[in-house]
Amino acid sequence: MPPICPMSISRGMTSTGTGPISTRARSTATAGAQIEAIVSYAMTDRWNVGVGGRYVYLATNNAYTQFPAVSPNQLEKFYTERWGGFVQTSYRFGGDMRAQASAASSPAAPRDWTGVYIGGHLGAGAGTSDFADPYPSFGFGDRVRTAGAVAGAQIGVNYQRGHAVVGLEAAGSWSRVEGTFTCFTGFPDPFAAGMNCGSTLDRLATFTGRLGYAADSTLYYVKAGAAVGHTNVMLNADPVLNAMGLGNTGGVLNSSTTAWGWTAGAGIEHALDAHWSVVGDYKYVDLGSTPASFANAPDPLAAVQSETIKQRYHVMTLGVNYKLDWTQFAGRGATAH
């Protein structure tokens, strides 16, 4: 039985307690993504056992705190990652298991993959955004780890000849793949060093060619092509400006950038009938290095007014496709099912 990879979007609440820094309790909403992979084995007609792994990522939306003697609220961002493994078992009650087993063992009708399809997907992504550091490096910071949810749609066309399937696909995703981390630790004033850089990939599109092998109702494929992403980047310079007596007004600087790059990946698509199919897909996305402007940075931060961001992502999705009855594309009739 092939691995099952369920994915979901998670939401929750995070609270920060009271103390000498946070003068009163704070709470904020969180959002993130969860990925699971399960391998299950049928011990008998009714009893299955399996093992799996799970990854969970959550991030706050609008957390803040308040430092002593500083009246404006200070922005904060909290992230949490969890990994784990589990063992599960299931038992099916009722029904004629012998009849079901006989039906399951009957070979499925081959799927004709030729045609145009449309569909949707849901999943998660994780990656890194590297900020070019104009100051002497201390070997710490400047690499922002990002993760979060993706959801979108795809359209494509396939042509099958024998077991070989070739195709083209365009996919677009809304995403919230984000993170923050310390950056620019080599700032000349050691008492003011300690800025925070952030990156949020909010849109991603890919345009790929696919090459696959059709085995009855299952298509195994690899793909490669172009990718484009839109990213919002942030520089929180409040610690620097406060330490230098410049106040914190305008200390959070924002910019956005659109970057082109390339993608490569692989997947498995399984036909449920002549039209519907489910697909599990992985792709690696390299958006290269692209400029990001913090032109409104104050003079002490002139060295970072023009930044370069290098972005890399891993994206896993589960989706569903519907194949249209446009068999005239290949100049042939539909395969009988």
C-alpha atoms as a PDB file:
ATOM      1  CA  MET A   1       0.000   0.000   0.000  1.00  0.00           C
ATOM      2  CA  PRO A   2       1.522   3.387  -0.978  1.00  0.00           C
ATOM      3  CA  PRO A   3       2.254   5.985   1.734  1.00  0.00           C
ATOM      4  CA  ILE A   4      -0.598   8.283   2.697  1.00  0.00           C
ATOM      5  CA  CYS A   5       0.361  11.921   3.311  1.00  0.00           C
ATOM      6  CA  PRO A   6      -2.475  13.883   4.892  1.00  0.00           C
ATOM      7  CA  MET A   7      -1.964  17.610   5.325  1.00  0.00           C
ATOM      8  CA  SER A   8      -3.906  20.234   7.200  1.00  0.00           C
ATOM      9  CA  ILE A   9      -3.861  23.878   8.219  1.00  0.00           C
ATOM     10  CA  SER A  10      -3.792  24.426  11.979  1.00  0.00           C
ATOM     11  CA  ARG A  11      -4.907  27.340  14.103  1.00  0.00           C
ATOM     12  CA  GLY A  12      -4.647  28.016  17.829  1.00  0.00           C
ATOM     13  CA  MET A  13      -3.990  30.535  20.574  1.00  0.00           C
ATOM     14  CA  THR A  14      -0.701  31.557  22.167  1.00  0.00           C
ATOM     15  CA  SER A  15      -0.438  33.435  25.450  1.00  0.00           C
ATOM     16  CA  THR A  16       2.539  35.247  26.947  1.00  0.00           C
ATOM     17  CA  GLY A  17       2.592  35.518  30.703  1.00  0.00           C
ATOM     18  CA  THR A  18       3.127  38.458  32.951  1.00  0.00           C
ATOM     19  CA  GLY A  19       6.555  39.373  34.253  1.00  0.00           C
ATOM     20  CA  PRO A  20       9.096  42.197  34.468  1.00  0.00           C
ATOM     21  CA  ILE A  21       9.033  42.671  30.669  1.00  0.00           C
ATOM     22  CA  SER A  22       5.440  41.914  29.691  1.00  0.00           C
ATOM     23  CA  THR A  23       3.458  44.008  32.134  1.00  0.00           C
ATOM     24  CA  ARG A  24       0.198  42.209  31.489  1.00  0.00           C
ATOM     25  CA  ALA A  25      -0.957  39.002  29.831  1.00  0.00           C
ATOM     26  CA  ARG A  26      -1.033  38.964  26.030  1.00  0.00           C
ATOM     27  CA  SER A  27      -2.702  36.513  23.676  1.00  0.00           C
ATOM     28  CA  THR A  28      -2.748  36.228  19.899  1.00  0.00           C
ATOM     29  CA  ALA A  29      -4.001  33.921  17.171  1.00  0.00           C
ATOM     30  CA  THR A  30      -1.628  31.472  15.513  1.00  0.00           C
ATOM     31  CA  ALA A  31      -1.664  29.804  12.092  1.00  0.00           C
ATOM     32  CA  GLY A  32       0.477  27.105  10.540  1.00  0.00           C
ATOM     33  CA  ALA A  33       0.600  23.770   8.791  1.00  0.00           C
ATOM     34  CA  GLN A  34       0.803  20.077   9.619  1.00  0.00           C
ATOM     35  CA  ILE A  35       2.200  17.278   7.447  1.00  0.00           C
ATOM     36  CA  GLU A  36       1.806  13.569   8.167  1.00  0.00           C
ATOM     37  CA  ALA A  37       3.111  10.533   6.327  1.00  0.00           C
ATOM     38  CA  ILE A  38       1.751   7.065   7.139  1.00  0.00           C
ATOM     39  CA  VAL A  39       2.696   3.616   5.861  1.00  0.00           C
ATOM     40  CA  SER A  40       0.030   1.023   6.632  1.00  0.00           C
ATOM     41  CA  TYR A  41       0.196  -2.772   6.278  1.00  0.00           C
ATOM     42  CA  ALA A  42      -2.753  -5.198   6.188  1.00  0.00           C
ATOM     43  CA  MET A  43      -2.026  -7.942   8.728  1.00  0.00           C
ATOM     44  CA  THR A  44      -5.374  -9.648   7.950  1.00  0.00           C
ATOM     45  CA  ASP A  45      -8.530  -8.814   5.975  1.00  0.00           C
ATOM     46  CA  ARG A  46      -9.706  -6.649   8.889  1.00  0.00           C
ATOM     47  CA  TRP A  47      -6.641  -5.618  10.868  1.00  0.00           C
ATOM     48  CA  ASN A  48      -4.109  -2.975   9.719  1.00  0.00           C
ATOM     49  CA  VAL A  49      -1.029  -1.637  11.473  1.00  0.00           C
ATOM     50  CA  GLY A  50       1.048   1.337  10.444  1.00  0.00           C
ATOM     51  CA  VAL A  51       3.835   3.731  11.367  1.00  0.00           C
ATOM     52  CA  GLY A  52       4.102   7.400  10.555  1.00  0.00           C
ATOM     53  CA  GLY A  53       5.726  10.751  11.162  1.00  0.00           C
ATOM     54  CA  ARG A  54       4.313  14.213  11.772  1.00  0.00           C
ATOM     55  CA  TYR A  55       5.643  17.766  11.396  1.00  0.00           C
ATOM     56  CA  VAL A  56       3.772  20.776  12.856  1.00  0.00           C
ATOM     57  CA  TYR A  57       4.648  24.456  12.381  1.00  0.00           C
ATOM     58  CA  LEU A  58       2.777  27.340  14.059  1.00  0.00           C
ATOM     59  CA  ALA A  59       3.398  31.100  13.979  1.00  0.00           C
ATOM     60  CA  THR A  60       1.705  34.033  15.714  1.00  0.00           C
ATOM     61  CA  ASN A  61      -0.138  36.621  13.649  1.00  0.00           C
ATOM     62  CA  ASN A  62       0.121  39.850  15.675  1.00  0.00           C
ATOM     63  CA  ALA A  63       1.893  39.262  18.985  1.00  0.00           C
ATOM     64  CA  TYR A  64       3.382  42.152  20.939  1.00  0.00           C
ATOM     65  CA  THR A  65       4.718  43.006  24.370  1.00  0.00           C
ATOM     66  CA  GLN A  66       5.668  46.139  26.293  1.00  0.00           C
ATOM     67  CA  PHE A  67       9.066  46.902  27.769  1.00  0.00           C
ATOM     68  CA  PRO A  68       9.478  49.034  30.897  1.00  0.00           C
ATOM     69  CA  ALA A  69       9.587  52.807  30.259  1.00  0.00           C
ATOM     70  CA  VAL A  70       8.739  52.294  26.569  1.00  0.00           C
ATOM     71  CA  SER A  71       5.178  53.367  25.851  1.00  0.00           C
ATOM     72  CA  PRO A  72       4.602  51.947  22.346  1.00  0.00           C
ATOM     73  CA  ASN A  73       3.934  48.233  22.108  1.00  0.00           C
ATOM     74  CA  GLN A  74       6.878  46.213  20.839  1.00  0.00           C
ATOM     75  CA  LEU A  75       6.192  43.771  17.997  1.00  0.00           C
ATOM     76  CA  GLU A  76       7.058  40.145  18.663  1.00  0.00           C
ATOM     77  CA  LYS A  77       6.899  36.981  16.588  1.00  0.00           C
ATOM     78  CA  PHE A  78       6.711  33.475  18.040  1.00  0.00           C
ATOM     79  CA  TYR A  79       7.287  30.284  16.098  1.00  0.00           C
ATOM     80  CA  THR A  80       7.132  26.671  17.142  1.00  0.00           C
ATOM     81  CA  GLU A  81       8.108  23.493  15.301  1.00  0.00           C
ATOM     82  CA  ARG A  82       7.361  19.948  16.410  1.00  0.00           C
ATOM     83  CA  TRP A  83       8.431  16.597  14.983  1.00  0.00           C
ATOM     84  CA  GLY A  84       7.157  13.225  16.096  1.00  0.00           C
ATOM     85  CA  GLY A  85       6.533   9.605  15.193  1.00  0.00           C
ATOM     86  CA  PHE A  86       3.631   7.306  15.964  1.00  0.00           C
ATOM     87  CA  VAL A  87       2.302   3.776  15.571  1.00  0.00           C
ATOM     88  CA  GLN A  88      -1.341   3.161  14.764  1.00  0.00           C
ATOM     89  CA  THR A  89      -3.669   0.210  14.253  1.00  0.00           C
ATOM     90  CA  SER A  90      -7.200  -0.147  12.915  1.00  0.00           C
ATOM     91  CA  TYR A  91      -9.827  -2.885  12.760  1.00  0.00           C
ATOM     92  CA  ARG A  92     -12.797  -2.982  10.381  1.00  0.00           C
ATOM     93  CA  PHE A  93     -16.133  -4.301  11.643  1.00  0.00           C
ATOM     94  CA  GLY A  94     -19.043  -5.718   9.628  1.00  0.00           C
ATOM     95  CA  GLY A  95     -19.443  -6.469   5.938  1.00  0.00           C
ATOM     96  CA  ASP A  96     -18.339  -9.442   3.852  1.00  0.00           C
ATOM     97  CA  MET A  97     -14.593  -9.064   3.893  1.00  0.00           C
ATOM     98  CA  ARG A  98     -14.064 -11.950   1.483  1.00  0.00           C
ATOM     99  CA  ALA A  99     -16.238 -10.253  -1.152  1.00  0.00           C
ATOM    100  CA  GLN A 100     -14.454  -6.936  -0.581  1.00  0.00           C
ATOM    101  CA  ALA A 101     -11.053  -8.602  -0.825  1.00  0.00           C
ATOM    102  CA  SER A 102     -12.079 -10.318  -4.066  1.00  0.00           C
ATOM    103  CA  ALA A 103     -13.239  -6.998  -5.538  1.00  0.00           C
ATOM    104  CA  ALA A 104     -10.051  -5.239  -4.417  1.00  0.00           C
ATOM    105  CA  SER A 105      -7.882  -7.915  -6.014  1.00  0.00           C
ATOM    106  CA  SER A 106      -9.585  -7.450  -9.412  1.00  0.00           C
ATOM    107  CA  PRO A 107      -7.284  -5.468 -11.726  1.00  0.00           C
ATOM    108  CA  ALA A 108      -8.363  -1.868 -12.230  1.00  0.00           C
ATOM    109  CA  ALA A 109      -9.151  -0.672 -15.740  1.00  0.00           C
ATOM    110  CA  PRO A 110      -6.227   1.252 -17.257  1.00  0.00           C
ATOM    111  CA  ARG A 111      -6.645   5.031 -17.211  1.00  0.00           C
ATOM    112  CA  ASP A 112      -6.208   7.025 -20.390  1.00  0.00           C
ATOM    113  CA  TRP A 113      -4.275  10.081 -19.159  1.00  0.00           C
ATOM    114  CA  THR A 114      -4.551  12.002 -22.425  1.00  0.00           C
ATOM    115  CA  GLY A 115      -6.504  15.234 -22.036  1.00  0.00           C
ATOM    116  CA  VAL A 116      -6.828  18.545 -20.240  1.00  0.00           C
ATOM    117  CA  TYR A 117      -7.281  18.621 -16.459  1.00  0.00           C
ATOM    118  CA  ILE A 118      -7.975  21.190 -13.753  1.00  0.00           C
ATOM    119  CA  GLY A 119      -7.688  20.801 -10.001  1.00  0.00           C
ATOM    120  CA  GLY A 120      -6.765  22.194  -6.600  1.00  0.00           C
ATOM    121  CA  HIS A 121      -4.167  21.488  -3.932  1.00  0.00           C
ATOM    122  CA  LEU A 122      -3.418  22.032  -0.245  1.00  0.00           C
ATOM    123  CA  GLY A 123      -0.150  21.517   1.574  1.00  0.00           C
ATOM    124  CA  ALA A 124       2.845  23.053   3.289  1.00  0.00           C
ATOM    125  CA  GLY A 125       6.204  24.554   2.475  1.00  0.00           C
ATOM    126  CA  ALA A 126       9.485  25.142   4.294  1.00  0.00           C
ATOM    127  CA  GLY A 127      12.697  26.835   3.295  1.00  0.00           C
ATOM    128  CA  THR A 128      15.315  29.498   3.948  1.00  0.00           C
ATOM    129  CA  SER A 129      15.818  33.166   3.108  1.00  0.00           C
ATOM    130  CA  ASP A 130      19.432  34.317   3.322  1.00  0.00           C
ATOM    131  CA  PHE A 131      20.032  38.064   3.847  1.00  0.00           C
ATOM    132  CA  ALA A 132      23.288  39.479   2.477  1.00  0.00           C
ATOM    133  CA  ASP A 133      25.169  40.934   5.450  1.00  0.00           C
ATOM    134  CA  PRO A 134      27.163  44.141   4.771  1.00  0.00           C
ATOM    135  CA  TYR A 135      28.824  43.979   8.207  1.00  0.00           C
ATOM    136  CA  PRO A 136      31.571  41.659   9.494  1.00  0.00           C
ATOM    137  CA  SER A 137      30.063  38.231  10.108  1.00  0.00           C
ATOM    138  CA  PHE A 138      30.112  36.563  13.523  1.00  0.00           C
ATOM    139  CA  GLY A 139      28.876  33.258  12.104  1.00  0.00           C
ATOM    140  CA  PHE A 140      25.397  33.744  13.523  1.00  0.00           C
ATOM    141  CA  GLY A 141      22.174  35.036  12.019  1.00  0.00           C
ATOM    142  CA  ASP A 142      21.210  36.254   8.527  1.00  0.00           C
ATOM    143  CA  ARG A 143      19.517  32.932   7.586  1.00  0.00           C
ATOM    144  CA  VAL A 144      15.766  32.995   8.172  1.00  0.00           C
ATOM    145  CA  ARG A 145      14.057  29.611   8.341  1.00  0.00           C
ATOM    146  CA  THR A 146      10.524  29.747   6.981  1.00  0.00           C
ATOM    147  CA  ALA A 147       7.533  27.390   6.977  1.00  0.00           C
ATOM    148  CA  GLY A 148       3.779  27.530   6.556  1.00  0.00           C
ATOM    149  CA  ALA A 149       0.730  26.569   4.518  1.00  0.00           C
ATOM    150  CA  VAL A 150       0.087  26.692   0.761  1.00  0.00           C
ATOM    151  CA  ALA A 151      -3.168  26.300  -1.185  1.00  0.00           C
ATOM    152  CA  GLY A 152      -4.032  26.853  -4.819  1.00  0.00           C
ATOM    153  CA  ALA A 153      -5.070  25.455  -8.195  1.00  0.00           C
ATOM    154  CA  GLN A 154      -3.484  23.860 -11.232  1.00  0.00           C
ATOM    155  CA  ILE A 155      -4.309  23.298 -14.905  1.00  0.00           C
ATOM    156  CA  GLY A 156      -2.493  21.036 -17.305  1.00  0.00           C
ATOM    157  CA  VAL A 157      -2.559  18.765 -20.314  1.00  0.00           C
ATOM    158  CA  ASN A 158      -1.223  15.222 -20.777  1.00  0.00           C
ATOM    159  CA  TYR A 159      -0.537  13.040 -23.807  1.00  0.00           C
ATOM    160  CA  GLN A 160      -0.121   9.296 -23.368  1.00  0.00           C
ATOM    161  CA  ARG A 161       1.567   6.866 -25.754  1.00  0.00           C
ATOM    162  CA  GLY A 162       1.876   3.366 -24.386  1.00  0.00           C
ATOM    163  CA  HIS A 163       3.056   3.645 -20.780  1.00  0.00           C
ATOM    164  CA  ALA A 164       4.779   7.003 -21.388  1.00  0.00           C
ATOM    165  CA  VAL A 165       2.976  10.227 -20.470  1.00  0.00           C
ATOM    166  CA  VAL A 166       4.228  13.723 -21.281  1.00  0.00           C
ATOM    167  CA  GLY A 167       2.521  16.921 -20.225  1.00  0.00           C
ATOM    168  CA  LEU A 168       2.579  20.585 -19.270  1.00  0.00           C
ATOM    169  CA  GLU A 169       1.239  22.116 -16.057  1.00  0.00           C
ATOM    170  CA  ALA A 170       0.749  25.606 -14.625  1.00  0.00           C
ATOM    171  CA  ALA A 171       0.079  25.913 -10.872  1.00  0.00           C
ATOM    172  CA  GLY A 172      -0.525  28.906  -8.657  1.00  0.00           C
ATOM    173  CA  SER A 173      -0.592  28.983  -4.861  1.00  0.00           C
ATOM    174  CA  TRP A 174      -1.509  31.375  -2.116  1.00  0.00           C
ATOM    175  CA  SER A 175       0.997  30.804   0.664  1.00  0.00           C
ATOM    176  CA  ARG A 176       2.014  31.935   4.098  1.00  0.00           C
ATOM    177  CA  VAL A 177       5.530  30.556   4.358  1.00  0.00           C
ATOM    178  CA  GLU A 178       7.198  32.862   6.868  1.00  0.00           C
ATOM    179  CA  GLY A 179       9.838  33.237   9.549  1.00  0.00           C
ATOM    180  CA  THR A 180      12.128  35.716  11.328  1.00  0.00           C
ATOM    181  CA  PHE A 181      15.623  35.525  12.787  1.00  0.00           C
ATOM    182  CA  THR A 182      18.474  37.673  14.092  1.00  0.00           C
ATOM    183  CA  CYS A 183      20.464  39.451  11.404  1.00  0.00           C
ATOM    184  CA  PHE A 184      23.327  41.932  10.918  1.00  0.00           C
ATOM    185  CA  THR A 185      25.006  41.027  14.209  1.00  0.00           C
ATOM    186  CA  GLY A 186      28.198  42.761  13.064  1.00  0.00           C
ATOM    187  CA  PHE A 187      26.610  46.232  13.250  1.00  0.00           C
ATOM    188  CA  PRO A 188      29.435  48.651  14.218  1.00  0.00           C
ATOM    189  CA  ASP A 189      27.862  49.686  17.534  1.00  0.00           C
ATOM    190  CA  PRO A 190      27.897  46.500  19.690  1.00  0.00           C
ATOM    191  CA  PHE A 191      25.352  48.001  22.093  1.00  0.00           C
ATOM    192  CA  ALA A 192      22.913  48.553  19.224  1.00  0.00           C
ATOM    193  CA  ALA A 193      23.470  45.293  17.310  1.00  0.00           C
ATOM    194  CA  GLY A 194      20.674  42.748  17.240  1.00  0.00           C
ATOM    195  CA  MET A 195      18.276  43.510  14.425  1.00  0.00           C
ATOM    196  CA  ASN A 196      15.622  41.064  13.265  1.00  0.00           C
ATOM    197  CA  CYS A 197      14.940  40.082   9.640  1.00  0.00           C
ATOM    198  CA  GLY A 198      11.749  38.452   8.381  1.00  0.00           C
ATOM    199  CA  SER A 199      10.528  36.847   5.175  1.00  0.00           C
ATOM    200  CA  THR A 200       7.007  35.837   4.053  1.00  0.00           C
ATOM    201  CA  LEU A 201       6.395  34.063   0.737  1.00  0.00           C
ATOM    202  CA  ASP A 202       2.751  34.919  -0.016  1.00  0.00           C
ATOM    203  CA  ARG A 203       2.385  33.853  -3.670  1.00  0.00           C
ATOM    204  CA  LEU A 204       4.055  31.149  -5.747  1.00  0.00           C
ATOM    205  CA  ALA A 205       3.522  29.998  -9.347  1.00  0.00           C
ATOM    206  CA  THR A 206       5.228  27.234 -11.319  1.00  0.00           C
ATOM    207  CA  PHE A 207       5.241  26.346 -15.031  1.00  0.00           C
ATOM    208  CA  THR A 208       6.562  22.840 -15.603  1.00  0.00           C
ATOM    209  CA  GLY A 209       6.923  20.051 -18.083  1.00  0.00           C
ATOM    210  CA  ARG A 210       6.071  16.547 -16.844  1.00  0.00           C
ATOM    211  CA  LEU A 211       7.363  13.122 -17.865  1.00  0.00           C
ATOM    212  CA  GLY A 212       5.619  10.108 -16.398  1.00  0.00           C
ATOM    213  CA  TYR A 213       5.103   6.354 -16.443  1.00  0.00           C
ATOM    214  CA  ALA A 214       1.523   5.046 -16.348  1.00  0.00           C
ATOM    215  CA  ALA A 215       0.954   1.742 -14.528  1.00  0.00           C
ATOM    216  CA  ASP A 216      -2.745   0.886 -14.852  1.00  0.00           C
ATOM    217  CA  SER A 217      -4.528   3.599 -12.828  1.00  0.00           C
ATOM    218  CA  THR A 218      -1.392   5.168 -11.303  1.00  0.00           C
ATOM    219  CA  LEU A 219       0.914   7.733 -12.874  1.00  0.00           C
ATOM    220  CA  TYR A 220       4.455   8.237 -11.571  1.00  0.00           C
ATOM    221  CA  TYR A 221       6.050  11.440 -12.838  1.00  0.00           C
ATOM    222  CA  VAL A 222       8.942  13.868 -12.589  1.00  0.00           C
ATOM    223  CA  LYS A 223       8.749  17.523 -13.559  1.00  0.00           C
ATOM    224  CA  ALA A 224      10.870  20.649 -13.972  1.00  0.00           C
ATOM    225  CA  GLY A 225      10.443  24.196 -15.143  1.00  0.00           C
ATOM    226  CA  ALA A 226      10.201  27.857 -14.134  1.00  0.00           C
ATOM    227  CA  ALA A 227       8.977  29.345 -10.860  1.00  0.00           C
ATOM    228  CA  VAL A 228       8.049  32.845  -9.705  1.00  0.00           C
ATOM    229  CA  GLY A 229       7.315  33.995  -6.165  1.00  0.00           C
ATOM    230  CA  HIS A 230       6.283  37.191  -4.384  1.00  0.00           C
ATOM    231  CA  THR A 231       7.908  37.761  -0.989  1.00  0.00           C
ATOM    232  CA  ASN A 232       7.416  40.390   1.704  1.00  0.00           C
ATOM    233  CA  VAL A 233      10.588  41.103   3.691  1.00  0.00           C
ATOM    234  CA  MET A 234      10.908  42.913   7.012  1.00  0.00           C
ATOM    235  CA  LEU A 235      13.711  44.510   9.015  1.00  0.00           C
ATOM    236  CA  ASN A 236      12.960  45.308  12.664  1.00  0.00           C
ATOM    237  CA  ALA A 237      15.535  47.941  13.589  1.00  0.00           C
ATOM    238  CA  ASP A 238      13.819  49.132  16.782  1.00  0.00           C
ATOM    239  CA  PRO A 239      16.600  47.770  19.054  1.00  0.00           C
ATOM    240  CA  VAL A 240      19.211  49.731  17.095  1.00  0.00           C
ATOM    241  CA  LEU A 241      17.262  52.992  17.019  1.00  0.00           C
ATOM    242  CA  ASN A 242      16.356  52.765  20.716  1.00  0.00           C
ATOM    243  CA  ALA A 243      19.952  52.077  21.745  1.00  0.00           C
ATOM    244  CA  MET A 244      21.144  55.046  19.685  1.00  0.00           C
ATOM    245  CA  GLY A 245      18.519  57.358  21.203  1.00  0.00           C
ATOM    246  CA  LEU A 246      16.606  57.769  17.944  1.00  0.00           C
ATOM    247  CA  GLY A 247      13.296  56.325  19.211  1.00  0.00           C
ATOM    248  CA  ASN A 248      11.397  53.448  17.673  1.00  0.00           C
ATOM    249  CA  THR A 249       9.162  55.333  15.236  1.00  0.00           C
ATOM    250  CA  GLY A 250       9.611  53.777  11.801  1.00  0.00           C
ATOM    251  CA  GLY A 251      11.932  51.123  13.169  1.00  0.00           C
ATOM    252  CA  VAL A 252      10.107  48.284  11.381  1.00  0.00           C
ATOM    253  CA  LEU A 253      11.004  48.549   7.702  1.00  0.00           C
ATOM    254  CA  ASN A 254       9.119  46.628   5.003  1.00  0.00           C
ATOM    255  CA  SER A 255       9.772  45.793   1.399  1.00  0.00           C
ATOM    256  CA  SER A 256       8.563  43.308  -1.208  1.00  0.00           C
ATOM    257  CA  THR A 257      10.169  41.539  -4.125  1.00  0.00           C
ATOM    258  CA  THR A 258       9.166  39.298  -7.028  1.00  0.00           C
ATOM    259  CA  ALA A 259      11.736  36.704  -8.007  1.00  0.00           C
ATOM    260  CA  TRP A 260      11.993  34.230 -10.896  1.00  0.00           C
ATOM    261  CA  GLY A 261      13.809  30.927 -10.566  1.00  0.00           C
ATOM    262  CA  TRP A 262      13.447  27.244 -11.293  1.00  0.00           C
ATOM    263  CA  THR A 263      11.733  24.214  -9.829  1.00  0.00           C
ATOM    264  CA  ALA A 264      12.062  20.426 -10.016  1.00  0.00           C
ATOM    265  CA  GLY A 265      10.081  17.675  -8.353  1.00  0.00           C
ATOM    266  CA  ALA A 266       8.144  14.437  -8.587  1.00  0.00           C
ATOM    267  CA  GLY A 267       4.770  13.000  -7.677  1.00  0.00           C
ATOM    268  CA  ILE A 268       2.253  10.175  -7.815  1.00  0.00           C
ATOM    269  CA  GLU A 269      -1.244  10.547  -9.258  1.00  0.00           C
ATOM    270  CA  HIS A 270      -3.899   7.852  -8.851  1.00  0.00           C
ATOM    271  CA  ALA A 271      -7.092   7.710 -10.919  1.00  0.00           C
ATOM    272  CA  LEU A 272     -10.329   7.129  -9.007  1.00  0.00           C
ATOM    273  CA  ASP A 273     -12.362   6.802 -12.216  1.00  0.00           C
ATOM    274  CA  ALA A 274     -12.293   8.081 -15.796  1.00  0.00           C
ATOM    275  CA  HIS A 275     -12.289  11.724 -14.651  1.00  0.00           C
ATOM    276  CA  TRP A 276     -11.231  12.160 -11.010  1.00  0.00           C
ATOM    277  CA  SER A 277      -7.758  11.546  -9.602  1.00  0.00           C
ATOM    278  CA  VAL A 278      -5.809  12.336  -6.435  1.00  0.00           C
ATOM    279  CA  VAL A 279      -2.194  13.496  -6.547  1.00  0.00           C
ATOM    280  CA  GLY A 280       0.673  13.831  -4.080  1.00  0.00           C
ATOM    281  CA  ASP A 281       3.349  16.255  -5.249  1.00  0.00           C
ATOM    282  CA  TYR A 282       6.782  17.441  -4.075  1.00  0.00           C
ATOM    283  CA  LYS A 283       8.768  20.271  -5.602  1.00  0.00           C
ATOM    284  CA  TYR A 284      11.999  22.071  -4.803  1.00  0.00           C
ATOM    285  CA  VAL A 285      11.891  25.782  -5.648  1.00  0.00           C
ATOM    286  CA  ASP A 286      14.982  27.963  -6.075  1.00  0.00           C
ATOM    287  CA  LEU A 287      14.127  31.659  -6.511  1.00  0.00           C
ATOM    288  CA  GLY A 288      17.752  32.714  -6.704  1.00  0.00           C
ATOM    289  CA  SER A 289      19.034  36.023  -5.342  1.00  0.00           C
ATOM    290  CA  THR A 290      16.906  39.124  -5.749  1.00  0.00           C
ATOM    291  CA  PRO A 291      17.230  42.738  -4.511  1.00  0.00           C
ATOM    292  CA  ALA A 292      15.001  44.152  -1.773  1.00  0.00           C
ATOM    293  CA  SER A 293      15.019  47.857  -0.997  1.00  0.00           C
ATOM    294  CA  PHE A 294      14.817  49.411   2.476  1.00  0.00           C
ATOM    295  CA  ALA A 295      15.175  52.889   1.007  1.00  0.00           C
ATOM    296  CA  ASN A 296      13.506  54.517   4.011  1.00  0.00           C
ATOM    297  CA  ALA A 297      16.094  53.143   6.448  1.00  0.00           C
ATOM    298  CA  PRO A 298      17.636  55.932   8.600  1.00  0.00           C
ATOM    299  CA  ASP A 299      21.221  57.025   8.013  1.00  0.00           C
ATOM    300  CA  PRO A 300      22.793  54.694  10.632  1.00  0.00           C
ATOM    301  CA  LEU A 301      21.431  51.779   8.546  1.00  0.00           C
ATOM    302  CA  ALA A 302      22.526  53.079   5.148  1.00  0.00           C
ATOM    303  CA  ALA A 303      24.464  49.855   4.495  1.00  0.00           C
ATOM    304  CA  VAL A 304      21.241  47.814   4.416  1.00  0.00           C
ATOM    305  CA  GLN A 305      19.125  50.201   2.343  1.00  0.00           C
ATOM    306  CA  SER A 306      19.703  47.895  -0.620  1.00  0.00           C
ATOM    307  CA  GLU A 307      19.597  44.218   0.347  1.00  0.00           C
ATOM    308  CA  THR A 308      19.873  40.912  -1.519  1.00  0.00           C
ATOM    309  CA  ILE A 309      17.694  37.941  -0.499  1.00  0.00           C
ATOM    310  CA  LYS A 310      18.438  34.355  -1.555  1.00  0.00           C
ATOM    311  CA  GLN A 311      15.381  32.046  -1.320  1.00  0.00           C
ATOM    312  CA  ARG A 312      15.027  28.220  -1.370  1.00  0.00           C
ATOM    313  CA  TYR A 313      11.861  26.218  -0.612  1.00  0.00           C
ATOM    314  CA  HIS A 314      10.540  22.662  -0.323  1.00  0.00           C
ATOM    315  CA  VAL A 315       6.802  22.352  -1.061  1.00  0.00           C
ATOM    316  CA  MET A 316       4.614  19.289  -0.508  1.00  0.00           C
ATOM    317  CA  THR A 317       0.944  19.203  -1.537  1.00  0.00           C
ATOM    318  CA  LEU A 318      -2.019  16.854  -1.847  1.00  0.00           C
ATOM    319  CA  GLY A 319      -4.478  17.620  -4.621  1.00  0.00           C
ATOM    320  CA  VAL A 320      -7.396  16.478  -6.703  1.00  0.00           C
ATOM    321  CA  ASN A 321      -7.697  16.731 -10.496  1.00  0.00           C
ATOM    322  CA  TYR A 322     -10.642  16.458 -12.875  1.00  0.00           C
ATOM    323  CA  LYS A 323      -9.877  15.356 -16.464  1.00  0.00           C
ATOM    324  CA  LEU A 324     -12.122  17.006 -19.032  1.00  0.00           C
ATOM    325  CA  ASP A 325     -13.703  15.006 -21.862  1.00  0.00           C
ATOM    326  CA  TRP A 326     -11.611  16.759 -24.476  1.00  0.00           C
ATOM    327  CA  THR A 327     -10.159  13.611 -26.049  1.00  0.00           C
ATOM    328  CA  GLN A 328     -10.121  15.359 -29.447  1.00  0.00           C
ATOM    329  CA  PHE A 329      -6.861  16.907 -28.217  1.00  0.00           C
ATOM    330  CA  ALA A 330      -5.095  13.664 -29.131  1.00  0.00           C
ATOM    331  CA  GLY A 331      -7.303  12.943 -32.164  1.00  0.00           C
ATOM    332  CA  ARG A 332      -8.669   9.720 -30.676  1.00  0.00           C
ATOM    333  CA  GLY A 333     -11.649   8.439 -28.750  1.00  0.00           C
ATOM    334  CA  ALA A 334     -11.765   7.864 -25.016  1.00  0.00           C
ATOM    335  CA  THR A 335     -10.544   4.580 -23.618  1.00  0.00           C
ATOM    336  CA  ALA A 336     -13.412   2.352 -22.512  1.00  0.00           C
ATOM    337  CA  HIS A 337     -13.723   1.765 -18.749  1.00  0.00           C
END
